[in-house]
Structure formats: C-alpha cells, structure tokens
Amino acid sequence: MEHLFSAVEPYIHEYGAVAIFVILFLESLGAPLPGESALIFAGVLASRGELSLSAVLFNAWVGAV
C-alpha cells in the first residue's frame, strides 16, 4: 500500500486538491493512473487537516464526472 501512496504523494502535497481533479479526470478518460489510491491518500490528508475536505470532495466529484 505504501508503494501506491509514494507514487501520488508528491503531486498531492504540491498541488493539493487540484491534483485529485487532474488524476481522476485523466483516469476517467482511460489513462492508467492510480485514481483510487490518490483519493484515499487525499482523504487521509484531509483527516489530518492538511487539505480541505470540501475541496477534496468537490474536485474528486468534478474530476470523476
């Protein structure tokens, strides 16, 4: 599990919830990206208070839809 987080961790720390949007959007188009892993990691960061939960939820929803 740690291997999956290490791939997306720098992007989410650098770009925040916008990285979730981009990853999920590109994954919806068929790109082989770790969207679910990125979403779990963003949820962990939101529970710690490092990201806004509302921003994560909104960007995840918009990126996936």
N, C-alpha and C. Protein backbone atom coordinates (compact mmCIF):
# COMPACT_ATOMS: atom_id res chain seq x y z
N MET A 1 0.82 -1.19 0.00
CA MET A 1 0.00 0.00 0.00
C MET A 1 0.87 1.26 0.00
N GLU A 2 1.98 1.19 0.69
CA GLU A 2 2.87 2.35 0.75
C GLU A 2 3.44 2.68 -0.63
N HIS A 3 3.66 1.66 -1.46
CA HIS A 3 4.17 1.88 -2.81
C HIS A 3 3.18 2.71 -3.63
N LEU A 4 1.89 2.45 -3.47
CA LEU A 4 0.89 3.21 -4.21
C LEU A 4 0.86 4.66 -3.77
N PHE A 5 0.97 4.90 -2.47
CA PHE A 5 0.96 6.27 -1.97
C PHE A 5 2.20 7.04 -2.38
N SER A 6 3.33 6.36 -2.48
CA SER A 6 4.56 7.05 -2.83
C SER A 6 4.54 7.59 -4.25
N ALA A 7 3.71 7.01 -5.12
CA ALA A 7 3.63 7.49 -6.50
C ALA A 7 2.84 8.80 -6.60
N VAL A 8 1.82 8.97 -5.77
CA VAL A 8 0.97 10.16 -5.88
C VAL A 8 1.23 11.19 -4.79
N GLU A 9 1.95 10.81 -3.77
CA GLU A 9 2.18 11.71 -2.64
C GLU A 9 2.79 13.06 -3.02
N PRO A 10 3.84 13.11 -3.84
CA PRO A 10 4.42 14.42 -4.15
C PRO A 10 3.45 15.35 -4.88
N TYR A 11 2.63 14.80 -5.74
CA TYR A 11 1.69 15.63 -6.50
C TYR A 11 0.60 16.20 -5.61
N ILE A 12 0.10 15.40 -4.69
CA ILE A 12 -0.96 15.88 -3.82
C ILE A 12 -0.42 16.88 -2.81
N HIS A 13 0.80 16.67 -2.32
CA HIS A 13 1.39 17.65 -1.41
C HIS A 13 1.68 18.96 -2.14
N GLU A 14 2.11 18.89 -3.38
CA GLU A 14 2.48 20.10 -4.12
C GLU A 14 1.26 20.86 -4.62
N TYR A 15 0.29 20.16 -5.20
CA TYR A 15 -0.83 20.83 -5.86
C TYR A 15 -2.15 20.71 -5.12
N GLY A 16 -2.22 19.94 -4.07
CA GLY A 16 -3.42 19.85 -3.25
C GLY A 16 -4.57 19.15 -3.96
N ALA A 17 -5.77 19.69 -3.74
CA ALA A 17 -6.98 19.05 -4.26
C ALA A 17 -7.07 19.14 -5.79
N VAL A 18 -6.37 20.07 -6.39
CA VAL A 18 -6.38 20.17 -7.86
C VAL A 18 -5.72 18.94 -8.47
N ALA A 19 -4.74 18.38 -7.79
CA ALA A 19 -4.10 17.15 -8.28
C ALA A 19 -5.11 16.00 -8.31
N ILE A 20 -6.02 15.96 -7.34
CA ILE A 20 -7.06 14.94 -7.33
C ILE A 20 -7.94 15.09 -8.56
N PHE A 21 -8.32 16.33 -8.88
CA PHE A 21 -9.13 16.57 -10.08
C PHE A 21 -8.42 16.07 -11.33
N VAL A 22 -7.18 16.43 -11.50
CA VAL A 22 -6.44 16.06 -12.72
C VAL A 22 -6.27 14.54 -12.81
N ILE A 23 -5.90 13.92 -11.71
CA ILE A 23 -5.68 12.46 -11.73
C ILE A 23 -6.98 11.73 -12.04
N LEU A 24 -8.08 12.10 -11.38
CA LEU A 24 -9.34 11.41 -11.62
C LEU A 24 -9.90 11.72 -13.01
N PHE A 25 -9.70 12.93 -13.48
CA PHE A 25 -10.18 13.29 -14.81
C PHE A 25 -9.46 12.49 -15.88
N LEU A 26 -8.15 12.42 -15.79
CA LEU A 26 -7.37 11.67 -16.78
C LEU A 26 -7.64 10.17 -16.67
N GLU A 27 -7.87 9.69 -15.46
CA GLU A 27 -8.20 8.29 -15.29
C GLU A 27 -9.57 7.98 -15.92
N SER A 28 -10.50 8.92 -15.83
CA SER A 28 -11.82 8.73 -16.45
C SER A 28 -11.72 8.67 -17.97
N LEU A 29 -10.71 9.31 -18.52
CA LEU A 29 -10.51 9.28 -19.97
C LEU A 29 -9.78 8.02 -20.42
N GLY A 30 -9.31 7.22 -19.48
CA GLY A 30 -8.67 5.96 -19.83
C GLY A 30 -7.19 5.87 -19.53
N ALA A 31 -6.61 6.93 -18.98
CA ALA A 31 -5.19 6.89 -18.64
C ALA A 31 -4.98 5.97 -17.44
N PRO A 32 -3.94 5.18 -17.46
CA PRO A 32 -3.69 4.25 -16.35
C PRO A 32 -3.05 4.96 -15.15
N LEU A 33 -3.86 5.69 -14.41
CA LEU A 33 -3.38 6.43 -13.24
C LEU A 33 -4.01 5.86 -11.97
N PRO A 34 -3.36 6.04 -10.84
CA PRO A 34 -3.89 5.50 -9.58
C PRO A 34 -4.91 6.43 -8.94
N GLY A 35 -6.08 6.55 -9.53
CA GLY A 35 -7.09 7.47 -9.04
C GLY A 35 -7.64 7.11 -7.68
N GLU A 36 -7.95 5.85 -7.46
CA GLU A 36 -8.49 5.44 -6.17
C GLU A 36 -7.45 5.60 -5.07
N SER A 37 -6.23 5.28 -5.36
CA SER A 37 -5.16 5.44 -4.37
C SER A 37 -4.95 6.91 -4.04
N ALA A 38 -5.01 7.76 -5.05
CA ALA A 38 -4.85 9.20 -4.82
C ALA A 38 -6.00 9.73 -3.97
N LEU A 39 -7.19 9.24 -4.20
CA LEU A 39 -8.34 9.68 -3.44
C LEU A 39 -8.25 9.24 -1.98
N ILE A 40 -7.79 8.03 -1.76
CA ILE A 40 -7.59 7.55 -0.38
C ILE A 40 -6.53 8.39 0.32
N PHE A 41 -5.44 8.66 -0.36
CA PHE A 41 -4.37 9.45 0.24
C PHE A 41 -4.85 10.87 0.54
N ALA A 42 -5.63 11.45 -0.36
CA ALA A 42 -6.17 12.79 -0.12
C ALA A 42 -7.13 12.78 1.06
N GLY A 43 -7.89 11.71 1.22
CA GLY A 43 -8.76 11.59 2.37
C GLY A 43 -7.99 11.53 3.68
N VAL A 44 -6.88 10.83 3.66
CA VAL A 44 -6.03 10.77 4.86
C VAL A 44 -5.48 12.15 5.18
N LEU A 45 -5.02 12.87 4.16
CA LEU A 45 -4.50 14.22 4.38
C LEU A 45 -5.60 15.16 4.86
N ALA A 46 -6.82 14.99 4.35
CA ALA A 46 -7.94 15.82 4.80
C ALA A 46 -8.29 15.51 6.25
N SER A 47 -8.19 14.25 6.66
CA SER A 47 -8.48 13.91 8.05
C SER A 47 -7.44 14.47 9.01
N ARG A 48 -6.23 14.65 8.51
CA ARG A 48 -5.18 15.27 9.32
C ARG A 48 -5.27 16.79 9.35
N GLY A 49 -6.09 17.36 8.46
CA GLY A 49 -6.22 18.81 8.39
C GLY A 49 -5.25 19.46 7.43
N GLU A 50 -4.53 18.67 6.64
CA GLU A 50 -3.57 19.22 5.69
C GLU A 50 -4.24 19.67 4.40
N LEU A 51 -5.40 19.11 4.08
CA LEU A 51 -6.20 19.52 2.93
C LEU A 51 -7.61 19.79 3.39
N SER A 52 -8.31 20.62 2.65
CA SER A 52 -9.71 20.89 2.96
C SER A 52 -10.57 19.73 2.45
N LEU A 53 -11.39 19.18 3.33
CA LEU A 53 -12.24 18.05 2.95
C LEU A 53 -13.23 18.46 1.86
N SER A 54 -13.79 19.65 1.97
CA SER A 54 -14.75 20.10 0.95
C SER A 54 -14.08 20.28 -0.40
N ALA A 55 -12.85 20.76 -0.43
CA ALA A 55 -12.13 20.91 -1.69
C ALA A 55 -11.80 19.55 -2.30
N VAL A 56 -11.42 18.59 -1.46
CA VAL A 56 -11.12 17.24 -1.95
C VAL A 56 -12.38 16.61 -2.53
N LEU A 57 -13.49 16.70 -1.80
CA LEU A 57 -14.74 16.09 -2.29
C LEU A 57 -15.21 16.74 -3.59
N PHE A 58 -15.16 18.07 -3.65
CA PHE A 58 -15.61 18.76 -4.86
C PHE A 58 -14.73 18.42 -6.05
N ASN A 59 -13.42 18.47 -5.89
CA ASN A 59 -12.52 18.16 -7.01
C ASN A 59 -12.60 16.71 -7.42
N ALA A 60 -12.81 15.81 -6.49
CA ALA A 60 -12.98 14.41 -6.84
C ALA A 60 -14.25 14.20 -7.64
N TRP A 61 -15.33 14.83 -7.22
CA TRP A 61 -16.59 14.69 -7.93
C TRP A 61 -16.52 15.28 -9.34
N VAL A 62 -15.97 16.46 -9.47
CA VAL A 62 -15.86 17.11 -10.78
C VAL A 62 -14.92 16.32 -11.70
N GLY A 63 -13.82 15.84 -11.17
CA GLY A 63 -12.88 15.07 -11.97
C GLY A 63 -13.43 13.75 -12.44
N ALA A 64 -14.24 13.11 -11.61
CA ALA A 64 -14.78 11.81 -11.97
C ALA A 64 -15.98 11.93 -12.90
N VAL A 65 -16.74 12.99 -12.76
CA VAL A 65 -17.94 13.15 -13.59
C VAL A 65 -17.57 13.87 -14.85
